PDB file of all heavy atoms in Angstrom:
ATOM      1  N   PRO A   1     174.499 190.000   2.377  1.00  0.00           N
ATOM      2  CA  PRO A   1     173.864 188.724   2.044  1.00  0.00           C
ATOM      3  C   PRO A   1     174.364 187.557   2.859  1.00  0.00           C
ATOM      4  O   PRO A   1     173.642 186.592   3.056  1.00  0.00           O
ATOM      5  CB  PRO A   1     174.145 188.520   0.570  1.00  0.00           C
ATOM      6  CG  PRO A   1     175.397 189.315   0.310  1.00  0.00           C
ATOM      7  CD  PRO A   1     175.351 190.480   1.250  1.00  0.00           C
ATOM      8  N   ASP A   2     175.614 187.649   3.317  1.00  0.00           N
ATOM      9  CA  ASP A   2     176.167 186.545   4.107  1.00  0.00           C
ATOM     10  C   ASP A   2     177.389 187.008   4.883  1.00  0.00           C
ATOM     11  O   ASP A   2     177.873 188.131   4.696  1.00  0.00           O
ATOM     12  CB  ASP A   2     176.562 185.379   3.164  1.00  0.00           C
ATOM     13  CG  ASP A   2     177.487 185.805   2.064  1.00  0.00           C
ATOM     14  OD1 ASP A   2     178.556 186.373   2.327  1.00  0.00           O
ATOM     15  OD2 ASP A   2     177.137 185.579   0.871  1.00  0.00           O
ATOM     16  N   ARG A   3     177.839 186.164   5.765  1.00  0.00           N
ATOM     17  CA  ARG A   3     178.962 186.463   6.667  1.00  0.00           C
ATOM     18  C   ARG A   3     180.267 186.719   5.901  1.00  0.00           C
ATOM     19  O   ARG A   3     181.002 187.657   6.223  1.00  0.00           O
ATOM     20  CB  ARG A   3     179.148 185.325   7.659  1.00  0.00           C
ATOM     21  CG  ARG A   3     180.165 185.594   8.720  1.00  0.00           C
ATOM     22  CD  ARG A   3     180.282 184.410   9.709  1.00  0.00           C
ATOM     23  NE  ARG A   3     178.988 184.087  10.278  1.00  0.00           N
ATOM     24  CZ  ARG A   3     178.473 184.656  11.375  1.00  0.00           C
ATOM     25  NH1 ARG A   3     179.152 185.606  11.974  1.00  0.00           N
ATOM     26  NH2 ARG A   3     177.293 184.302  11.826  1.00  0.00           N
ATOM     27  N   GLU A   4     180.517 185.928   4.866  1.00  0.00           N
ATOM     28  CA  GLU A   4     181.762 186.106   4.131  1.00  0.00           C
ATOM     29  C   GLU A   4     181.834 187.459   3.445  1.00  0.00           C
ATOM     30  O   GLU A   4     182.871 188.129   3.443  1.00  0.00           O
ATOM     31  CB  GLU A   4     181.944 184.971   3.087  1.00  0.00           C
ATOM     32  CG  GLU A   4     183.259 185.049   2.339  1.00  0.00           C
ATOM     33  CD  GLU A   4     184.508 185.028   3.209  1.00  0.00           C
ATOM     34  OE1 GLU A   4     184.527 184.335   4.255  1.00  0.00           O
ATOM     35  OE2 GLU A   4     185.489 185.708   2.848  1.00  0.00           O
ATOM     36  N   THR A   5     180.728 187.901   2.814  1.00  0.00           N
ATOM     37  CA  THR A   5     180.701 189.217   2.170  1.00  0.00           C
ATOM     38  C   THR A   5     180.927 190.320   3.182  1.00  0.00           C
ATOM     39  O   THR A   5     181.651 191.250   2.942  1.00  0.00           O
ATOM     40  CB  THR A   5     179.352 189.407   1.424  1.00  0.00           C
ATOM     41  OG1 THR A   5     179.194 188.342   0.509  1.00  0.00           O
ATOM     42  CG2 THR A   5     179.324 190.704   0.685  1.00  0.00           C
ATOM     43  N   LEU A   6     180.299 190.203   4.341  1.00  0.00           N
ATOM     44  CA  LEU A   6     180.466 191.199   5.411  1.00  0.00           C
ATOM     45  C   LEU A   6     181.930 191.242   5.867  1.00  0.00           C
ATOM     46  O   LEU A   6     182.521 192.296   5.948  1.00  0.00           O
ATOM     47  CB  LEU A   6     179.554 190.887   6.587  1.00  0.00           C
ATOM     48  CG  LEU A   6     179.812 191.721   7.847  1.00  0.00           C
ATOM     49  CD1 LEU A   6     179.611 193.201   7.596  1.00  0.00           C
ATOM     50  CD2 LEU A   6     178.913 191.227   8.976  1.00  0.00           C
ATOM     51  N   HIS A   7     182.517 190.083   6.127  1.00  0.00           N
ATOM     52  CA  HIS A   7     183.889 190.062   6.661  1.00  0.00           C
ATOM     53  C   HIS A   7     184.871 190.545   5.607  1.00  0.00           C
ATOM     54  O   HIS A   7     185.880 191.192   5.971  1.00  0.00           O
ATOM     55  CB  HIS A   7     184.217 188.677   7.222  1.00  0.00           C
ATOM     56  CG  HIS A   7     183.604 188.512   8.576  1.00  0.00           C
ATOM     57  ND1 HIS A   7     184.257 188.789   9.751  1.00  0.00           N
ATOM     58  CD2 HIS A   7     182.368 188.112   8.944  1.00  0.00           C
ATOM     59  CE1 HIS A   7     183.435 188.577  10.785  1.00  0.00           C
ATOM     60  NE2 HIS A   7     182.303 188.152  10.320  1.00  0.00           N
ATOM     61  N   THR A   8     184.648 190.267   4.329  1.00  0.00           N
ATOM     62  CA  THR A   8     185.493 190.813   3.281  1.00  0.00           C
ATOM     63  C   THR A   8     185.428 192.325   3.280  1.00  0.00           C
ATOM     64  O   THR A   8     186.421 193.026   3.196  1.00  0.00           O
ATOM     65  CB  THR A   8     185.088 190.235   1.898  1.00  0.00           C
ATOM     66  OG1 THR A   8     185.266 188.839   1.925  1.00  0.00           O
ATOM     67  CG2 THR A   8     185.899 190.859   0.771  1.00  0.00           C
ATOM     68  N   TYR A   9     184.196 192.867   3.371  1.00  0.00           N
ATOM     69  CA  TYR A   9     184.004 194.314   3.443  1.00  0.00           C
ATOM     70  C   TYR A   9     184.721 194.914   4.642  1.00  0.00           C
ATOM     71  O   TYR A   9     185.407 195.928   4.530  1.00  0.00           O
ATOM     72  CB  TYR A   9     182.526 194.635   3.466  1.00  0.00           C
ATOM     73  CG  TYR A   9     182.199 196.054   3.813  1.00  0.00           C
ATOM     74  CD1 TYR A   9     182.348 197.065   2.823  1.00  0.00           C
ATOM     75  CD2 TYR A   9     181.793 196.423   5.089  1.00  0.00           C
ATOM     76  CE1 TYR A   9     182.092 198.382   3.121  1.00  0.00           C
ATOM     77  CE2 TYR A   9     181.536 197.746   5.385  1.00  0.00           C
ATOM     78  CZ  TYR A   9     181.662 198.716   4.413  1.00  0.00           C
ATOM     79  OH  TYR A   9     181.427 200.031   4.732  1.00  0.00           O
ATOM     80  N   LEU A  10     184.551 194.292   5.822  1.00  0.00           N
ATOM     81  CA  LEU A  10     185.200 194.823   7.041  1.00  0.00           C
ATOM     82  C   LEU A  10     186.726 194.782   6.917  1.00  0.00           C
ATOM     83  O   LEU A  10     187.391 195.748   7.329  1.00  0.00           O
ATOM     84  CB  LEU A  10     184.731 194.017   8.247  1.00  0.00           C
ATOM     85  CG  LEU A  10     183.288 194.215   8.660  1.00  0.00           C
ATOM     86  CD1 LEU A  10     182.937 193.251   9.794  1.00  0.00           C
ATOM     87  CD2 LEU A  10     182.996 195.674   9.038  1.00  0.00           C
ATOM     88  N   ARG A  11     187.294 193.725   6.354  1.00  0.00           N
ATOM     89  CA  ARG A  11     188.754 193.662   6.161  1.00  0.00           C
ATOM     90  C   ARG A  11     189.188 194.755   5.197  1.00  0.00           C
ATOM     91  O   ARG A  11     190.208 195.427   5.433  1.00  0.00           O
ATOM     92  CB  ARG A  11     189.175 192.277   5.649  1.00  0.00           C
ATOM     93  CG  ARG A  11     189.210 191.218   6.702  1.00  0.00           C
ATOM     94  CD  ARG A  11     189.867 189.919   6.202  1.00  0.00           C
ATOM     95  NE  ARG A  11     189.203 189.365   5.020  1.00  0.00           N
ATOM     96  CZ  ARG A  11     188.198 188.487   5.056  1.00  0.00           C
ATOM     97  NH1 ARG A  11     187.731 188.071   6.224  1.00  0.00           N
ATOM     98  NH2 ARG A  11     187.672 188.057   3.954  1.00  0.00           N
ATOM     99  N   ASP A  12     188.432 194.940   4.101  1.00  0.00           N
ATOM    100  CA  ASP A  12     188.755 195.965   3.150  1.00  0.00           C
ATOM    101  C   ASP A  12     188.657 197.352   3.757  1.00  0.00           C
ATOM    102  O   ASP A  12     189.486 198.245   3.485  1.00  0.00           O
ATOM    103  CB  ASP A  12     187.903 195.855   1.893  1.00  0.00           C
ATOM    104  CG  ASP A  12     188.178 194.612   1.072  1.00  0.00           C
ATOM    105  OD1 ASP A  12     189.224 193.968   1.280  1.00  0.00           O
ATOM    106  OD2 ASP A  12     187.353 194.317   0.186  1.00  0.00           O
ATOM    107  N   MET A  13     187.654 197.599   4.573  1.00  0.00           N
ATOM    108  CA  MET A  13     187.486 198.890   5.218  1.00  0.00           C
ATOM    109  C   MET A  13     188.627 199.115   6.225  1.00  0.00           C
ATOM    110  O   MET A  13     189.182 200.227   6.319  1.00  0.00           O
ATOM    111  CB  MET A  13     186.142 198.981   5.913  1.00  0.00           C
ATOM    112  CG  MET A  13     185.879 200.344   6.567  1.00  0.00           C
ATOM    113  SD  MET A  13     185.914 201.748   5.425  1.00  0.00           S
ATOM    114  CE  MET A  13     184.303 201.588   4.706  1.00  0.00           C
ATOM    115  N   TYR A  14     188.990 198.104   6.954  1.00  0.00           N
ATOM    116  CA  TYR A  14     190.114 198.183   7.891  1.00  0.00           C
ATOM    117  C   TYR A  14     191.400 198.581   7.135  1.00  0.00           C
ATOM    118  O   TYR A  14     192.136 199.471   7.553  1.00  0.00           O
ATOM    119  CB  TYR A  14     190.293 196.856   8.590  1.00  0.00           C
ATOM    120  CG  TYR A  14     191.393 196.839   9.635  1.00  0.00           C
ATOM    121  CD1 TYR A  14     191.131 197.145  10.965  1.00  0.00           C
ATOM    122  CD2 TYR A  14     192.697 196.510   9.294  1.00  0.00           C
ATOM    123  CE1 TYR A  14     192.118 197.133  11.905  1.00  0.00           C
ATOM    124  CE2 TYR A  14     193.709 196.515  10.225  1.00  0.00           C
ATOM    125  CZ  TYR A  14     193.425 196.838  11.533  1.00  0.00           C
ATOM    126  OH  TYR A  14     194.422 196.840  12.469  1.00  0.00           O
ATOM    127  N   ASP A  15     191.612 197.918   5.987  1.00  0.00           N
ATOM    128  CA  ASP A  15     192.792 198.243   5.180  1.00  0.00           C
ATOM    129  C   ASP A  15     192.756 199.681   4.678  1.00  0.00           C
ATOM    130  O   ASP A  15     193.752 200.371   4.618  1.00  0.00           O
ATOM    131  CB  ASP A  15     192.950 197.271   4.006  1.00  0.00           C
ATOM    132  CG  ASP A  15     193.443 195.912   4.456  1.00  0.00           C
ATOM    133  OD1 ASP A  15     194.021 195.807   5.570  1.00  0.00           O
ATOM    134  OD2 ASP A  15     193.257 194.956   3.704  1.00  0.00           O
ATOM    135  N   TYR A  16     191.561 200.135   4.316  1.00  0.00           N
ATOM    136  CA  TYR A  16     191.431 201.521   3.848  1.00  0.00           C
ATOM    137  C   TYR A  16     191.708 202.524   4.974  1.00  0.00           C
ATOM    138  O   TYR A  16     192.433 203.487   4.767  1.00  0.00           O
ATOM    139  CB  TYR A  16     189.997 201.730   3.291  1.00  0.00           C
ATOM    140  CG  TYR A  16     189.707 203.149   2.932  1.00  0.00           C
ATOM    141  CD1 TYR A  16     190.267 203.732   1.791  1.00  0.00           C
ATOM    142  CD2 TYR A  16     188.876 203.934   3.724  1.00  0.00           C
ATOM    143  CE1 TYR A  16     190.005 205.048   1.467  1.00  0.00           C
ATOM    144  CE2 TYR A  16     188.601 205.250   3.404  1.00  0.00           C
ATOM    145  CZ  TYR A  16     189.162 205.802   2.283  1.00  0.00           C
ATOM    146  OH  TYR A  16     188.897 207.096   1.957  1.00  0.00           O
ATOM    147  N   LEU A  17     191.200 202.241   6.132  1.00  0.00           N
ATOM    148  CA  LEU A  17     191.348 203.172   7.260  1.00  0.00           C
ATOM    149  C   LEU A  17     192.734 203.129   7.877  1.00  0.00           C
ATOM    150  O   LEU A  17     193.263 204.173   8.315  1.00  0.00           O
ATOM    151  CB  LEU A  17     190.310 202.899   8.357  1.00  0.00           C
ATOM    152  CG  LEU A  17     188.876 203.175   7.960  1.00  0.00           C
ATOM    153  CD1 LEU A  17     187.918 202.657   9.065  1.00  0.00           C
ATOM    154  CD2 LEU A  17     188.649 204.647   7.716  1.00  0.00           C
ATOM    155  N   PHE A  18     193.345 201.941   7.943  1.00  0.00           N
ATOM    156  CA  PHE A  18     194.547 201.808   8.742  1.00  0.00           C
ATOM    157  C   PHE A  18     195.797 201.330   7.986  1.00  0.00           C
ATOM    158  O   PHE A  18     196.883 201.403   8.485  1.00  0.00           O
ATOM    159  CB  PHE A  18     194.293 200.844   9.920  1.00  0.00           C
ATOM    160  CG  PHE A  18     193.135 201.282  10.784  1.00  0.00           C
ATOM    161  CD1 PHE A  18     191.974 200.557  10.778  1.00  0.00           C
ATOM    162  CD2 PHE A  18     193.222 202.439  11.541  1.00  0.00           C
ATOM    163  CE1 PHE A  18     190.875 200.973  11.552  1.00  0.00           C
ATOM    164  CE2 PHE A  18     192.135 202.840  12.326  1.00  0.00           C
ATOM    165  CZ  PHE A  18     190.982 202.108  12.343  1.00  0.00           C
ATOM    166  N   ASN A  19     195.614 200.861   6.747  1.00  0.00           N
ATOM    167  CA  ASN A  19     196.744 200.312   6.004  1.00  0.00           C
ATOM    168  C   ASN A  19     196.924 200.952   4.639  1.00  0.00           C
ATOM    169  O   ASN A  19     197.523 200.384   3.749  1.00  0.00           O
ATOM    170  CB  ASN A  19     196.570 198.794   5.855  1.00  0.00           C
ATOM    171  CG  ASN A  19     196.692 198.079   7.155  1.00  0.00           C
ATOM    172  OD1 ASN A  19     197.393 198.469   8.038  1.00  0.00           O
ATOM    173  ND2 ASN A  19     195.961 196.987   7.281  1.00  0.00           N
ATOM    174  N   ASP A  20     196.411 202.160   4.477  1.00  0.00           N
ATOM    175  CA  ASP A  20     196.616 202.950   3.248  1.00  0.00           C
ATOM    176  C   ASP A  20     196.137 202.284   1.964  1.00  0.00           C
ATOM    177  O   ASP A  20     196.678 202.491   0.900  1.00  0.00           O
ATOM    178  CB  ASP A  20     198.112 203.302   3.086  1.00  0.00           C
ATOM    179  CG  ASP A  20     198.606 204.158   4.238  1.00  0.00           C
ATOM    180  OD1 ASP A  20     197.853 204.991   4.718  1.00  0.00           O
ATOM    181  OD2 ASP A  20     199.809 203.966   4.614  1.00  0.00           O
ATOM    182  N   ALA A  21     195.056 201.494   2.053  1.00  0.00           N
ATOM    183  CA  ALA A  21     194.420 200.997   0.808  1.00  0.00           C
ATOM    184  C   ALA A  21     193.918 202.209   0.023  1.00  0.00           C
ATOM    185  O   ALA A  21     193.477 203.214   0.574  1.00  0.00           O
ATOM    186  CB  ALA A  21     193.263 200.066   1.138  1.00  0.00           C
ATOM    187  N   SER A  22     193.991 202.105  -1.291  1.00  0.00           N
ATOM    188  CA  SER A  22     193.737 203.283  -2.130  1.00  0.00           C
ATOM    189  C   SER A  22     192.266 203.677  -2.261  1.00  0.00           C
ATOM    190  O   SER A  22     191.962 204.848  -2.499  1.00  0.00           O
ATOM    191  CB  SER A  22     194.330 203.043  -3.515  1.00  0.00           C
ATOM    192  OG  SER A  22     193.736 201.935  -4.137  1.00  0.00           O
ATOM    193  N   GLU A  23     191.360 202.713  -2.192  1.00  0.00           N
ATOM    194  CA  GLU A  23     189.942 203.024  -2.381  1.00  0.00           C
ATOM    195  C   GLU A  23     189.082 202.554  -1.212  1.00  0.00           C
ATOM    196  O   GLU A  23     189.308 201.497  -0.673  1.00  0.00           O
ATOM    197  CB  GLU A  23     189.414 202.332  -3.644  1.00  0.00           C
ATOM    198  CG  GLU A  23     189.974 202.922  -4.904  1.00  0.00           C
ATOM    199  CD  GLU A  23     189.289 202.296  -6.129  1.00  0.00           C
ATOM    200  OE1 GLU A  23     188.089 202.021  -6.083  1.00  0.00           O
ATOM    201  OE2 GLU A  23     190.005 202.115  -7.117  1.00  0.00           O
ATOM    202  N   GLN A  24     188.115 203.399  -0.851  1.00  0.00           N
ATOM    203  CA  GLN A  24     187.192 202.993   0.207  1.00  0.00           C
ATOM    204  C   GLN A  24     186.240 201.977  -0.359  1.00  0.00           C
ATOM    205  O   GLN A  24     185.632 202.173  -1.399  1.00  0.00           O
ATOM    206  CB  GLN A  24     186.393 204.226   0.677  1.00  0.00           C
ATOM    207  CG  GLN A  24     185.398 203.887   1.786  1.00  0.00           C
ATOM    208  CD  GLN A  24     184.662 205.083   2.296  1.00  0.00           C
ATOM    209  OE1 GLN A  24     185.009 206.219   1.998  1.00  0.00           O
ATOM    210  NE2 GLN A  24     183.646 204.842   3.058  1.00  0.00           N
ATOM    211  N   PRO A  25     186.090 200.831   0.319  1.00  0.00           N
ATOM    212  CA  PRO A  25     185.155 199.824  -0.172  1.00  0.00           C
ATOM    213  C   PRO A  25     183.721 200.269   0.048  1.00  0.00           C
ATOM    214  O   PRO A  25     183.418 201.074   0.937  1.00  0.00           O
ATOM    215  CB  PRO A  25     185.472 198.605   0.720  1.00  0.00           C
ATOM    216  CG  PRO A  25     185.999 199.165   1.960  1.00  0.00           C
ATOM    217  CD  PRO A  25     186.725 200.435   1.554  1.00  0.00           C
ATOM    218  N   MET A  26     182.859 199.744  -0.797  1.00  0.00           N
ATOM    219  CA  MET A  26     181.410 200.075  -0.693  1.00  0.00           C
ATOM    220  C   MET A  26     180.684 198.786  -0.365  1.00  0.00           C
ATOM    221  O   MET A  26     180.970 197.709  -0.907  1.00  0.00           O
ATOM    222  CB  MET A  26     180.909 200.632  -2.038  1.00  0.00           C
ATOM    223  CG  MET A  26     181.587 201.943  -2.387  1.00  0.00           C
ATOM    224  SD  MET A  26     181.396 203.267  -1.165  1.00  0.00           S
ATOM    225  CE  MET A  26     179.686 203.619  -1.292  1.00  0.00           C
ATOM    226  N   PRO A  27     179.671 198.866   0.501  1.00  0.00           N
ATOM    227  CA  PRO A  27     178.874 197.705   0.819  1.00  0.00           C
ATOM    228  C   PRO A  27     178.036 197.319  -0.402  1.00  0.00           C
ATOM    229  O   PRO A  27     177.848 198.114  -1.317  1.00  0.00           O
ATOM    230  CB  PRO A  27     177.975 198.150   1.964  1.00  0.00           C
ATOM    231  CG  PRO A  27     178.104 199.593   2.067  1.00  0.00           C
ATOM    232  CD  PRO A  27     179.269 200.042   1.275  1.00  0.00           C
ATOM    233  N   PRO A  28     177.527 196.103  -0.458  1.00  0.00           N
ATOM    234  CA  PRO A  28     176.706 195.669  -1.597  1.00  0.00           C
ATOM    235  C   PRO A  28     175.538 196.604  -1.838  1.00  0.00           C
ATOM    236  O   PRO A  28     174.919 197.094  -0.895  1.00  0.00           O
ATOM    237  CB  PRO A  28     176.196 194.274  -1.172  1.00  0.00           C
ATOM    238  CG  PRO A  28     177.119 193.821  -0.111  1.00  0.00           C
ATOM    239  CD  PRO A  28     177.615 195.076   0.562  1.00  0.00           C
TER     240      PRO A  28
END
């Protein structure tokens, strides 16, 4: 819906892939 939602998702996905975040984020 907007740039902020996208960038939050991308940061969360980055953390999942590279920083051992526990859950894979899902897009809206």
